[in-house]
Amino acid sequence: MFNIILFALTIWFVSYLKYFGGLRVGDTVFLLGTSFKLSEGLWNMSIHFGDTSSHFGELKSSFEIIAKPQEILDKKTAIELNYERNF
């Protein structure tokens, strides 16, 4: 629906400017080309919105799993481990 409104406004604007002599062929091509490119981008964005939403849901679930507190803890009488890094 947005694409139809965008094209209608673009064509109206182009014809308005052409009528008053403030528009050339290159300007017309630029306006219509920009309009088509914008509508294509919006269409692709609307198609991939569902995929992006599901990916964000999976990411949120992953962070919830990572954020759980540990159930296995060291004993209070555990000895501290000492180690050296040999490079």
Protein backbone atom coordinates (compact mmCIF):
# COMPACT_ATOMS: atom_id res chain seq x y z
CA MET A 1 0.00 0.00 0.00
CA PHE A 2 2.83 2.37 0.87
CA ASN A 3 4.46 1.72 -2.51
CA ILE A 4 1.32 2.76 -4.37
CA ILE A 5 1.05 5.97 -2.37
CA LEU A 6 4.76 6.67 -2.88
CA PHE A 7 4.50 6.19 -6.66
CA ALA A 8 1.33 8.28 -6.88
CA LEU A 9 2.95 11.15 -4.97
CA THR A 10 6.11 10.89 -7.06
CA ILE A 11 4.20 10.98 -10.35
CA TRP A 12 2.05 13.86 -9.11
CA PHE A 13 5.16 15.78 -8.01
CA VAL A 14 6.91 15.10 -11.32
CA SER A 15 3.90 16.24 -13.35
CA TYR A 16 3.48 19.32 -11.14
CA LEU A 17 7.11 20.35 -11.63
CA LYS A 18 6.96 19.55 -15.35
CA TYR A 19 3.86 21.72 -15.77
CA PHE A 20 5.60 24.72 -14.22
CA GLY A 21 8.78 24.11 -16.22
CA GLY A 22 11.07 23.35 -13.32
CA LEU A 23 11.87 19.77 -14.30
CA ARG A 24 14.07 18.20 -16.95
CA VAL A 25 14.32 14.62 -18.19
CA GLY A 26 17.27 13.83 -15.92
CA ASP A 27 15.38 15.10 -12.88
CA THR A 28 12.42 12.90 -13.78
CA VAL A 29 14.60 9.82 -14.13
CA PHE A 30 16.31 10.60 -10.83
CA LEU A 31 13.03 11.02 -8.94
CA LEU A 32 11.42 7.90 -10.35
CA GLY A 33 14.58 5.81 -9.92
CA THR A 34 14.97 6.95 -6.32
CA SER A 35 11.31 6.19 -5.70
CA PHE A 36 11.65 2.65 -7.10
CA LYS A 37 14.83 2.01 -5.10
CA LEU A 38 13.23 3.27 -1.88
CA SER A 39 10.15 1.11 -2.34
CA GLU A 40 12.32 -1.94 -3.08
CA GLY A 41 14.28 -1.37 0.12
CA LEU A 42 11.12 -1.00 2.16
CA TRP A 43 9.68 -4.15 0.59
CA ASN A 44 12.81 -6.17 1.43
CA MET A 45 12.82 -4.78 4.95
CA SER A 46 9.21 -5.82 5.49
CA ILE A 47 9.89 -9.32 4.14
CA HIS A 48 12.90 -9.91 6.40
CA PHE A 49 11.33 -8.36 9.50
CA GLY A 50 9.91 -11.72 10.63
CA ASP A 51 13.26 -13.46 10.24
CA THR A 52 15.00 -10.73 12.19
CA SER A 53 12.42 -10.94 14.97
CA SER A 54 12.90 -14.70 15.31
CA HIS A 55 16.69 -14.28 15.41
CA PHE A 56 16.38 -11.72 18.19
CA GLY A 57 14.12 -14.15 20.07
CA GLU A 58 16.71 -16.90 19.76
CA LEU A 59 19.43 -14.51 20.94
CA LYS A 60 17.34 -13.51 23.97
CA SER A 61 16.78 -17.18 24.85
CA SER A 62 20.51 -17.83 24.58
CA PHE A 63 21.31 -14.99 26.96
CA GLU A 64 18.72 -16.24 29.42
CA ILE A 65 20.40 -19.67 29.43
CA ILE A 66 23.84 -18.13 29.95
CA ALA A 67 22.62 -15.83 32.75
CA LYS A 68 21.39 -18.70 34.97
CA PRO A 69 23.38 -18.96 38.21
CA GLN A 70 25.68 -21.94 38.67
CA GLU A 71 24.24 -24.84 40.58
CA ILE A 72 27.55 -26.59 41.24
CA LEU A 73 29.70 -24.56 43.62
CA ASP A 74 33.05 -25.30 45.24
CA LYS A 75 33.15 -26.61 48.78
CA LYS A 76 33.98 -24.05 51.41
CA THR A 77 37.00 -26.13 52.40
CA ALA A 78 38.33 -26.42 48.83
CA ILE A 79 42.02 -25.72 48.26
CA GLU A 80 42.95 -22.87 45.93
CA LEU A 81 44.53 -24.15 42.70
CA ASN A 82 47.88 -22.65 41.80
CA TYR A 83 49.12 -22.84 38.26
CA GLU A 84 51.76 -21.17 36.19
CA ARG A 85 51.56 -20.20 32.57
CA ASN A 86 54.61 -21.36 30.68
CA PHE A 87 54.96 -19.74 27.29
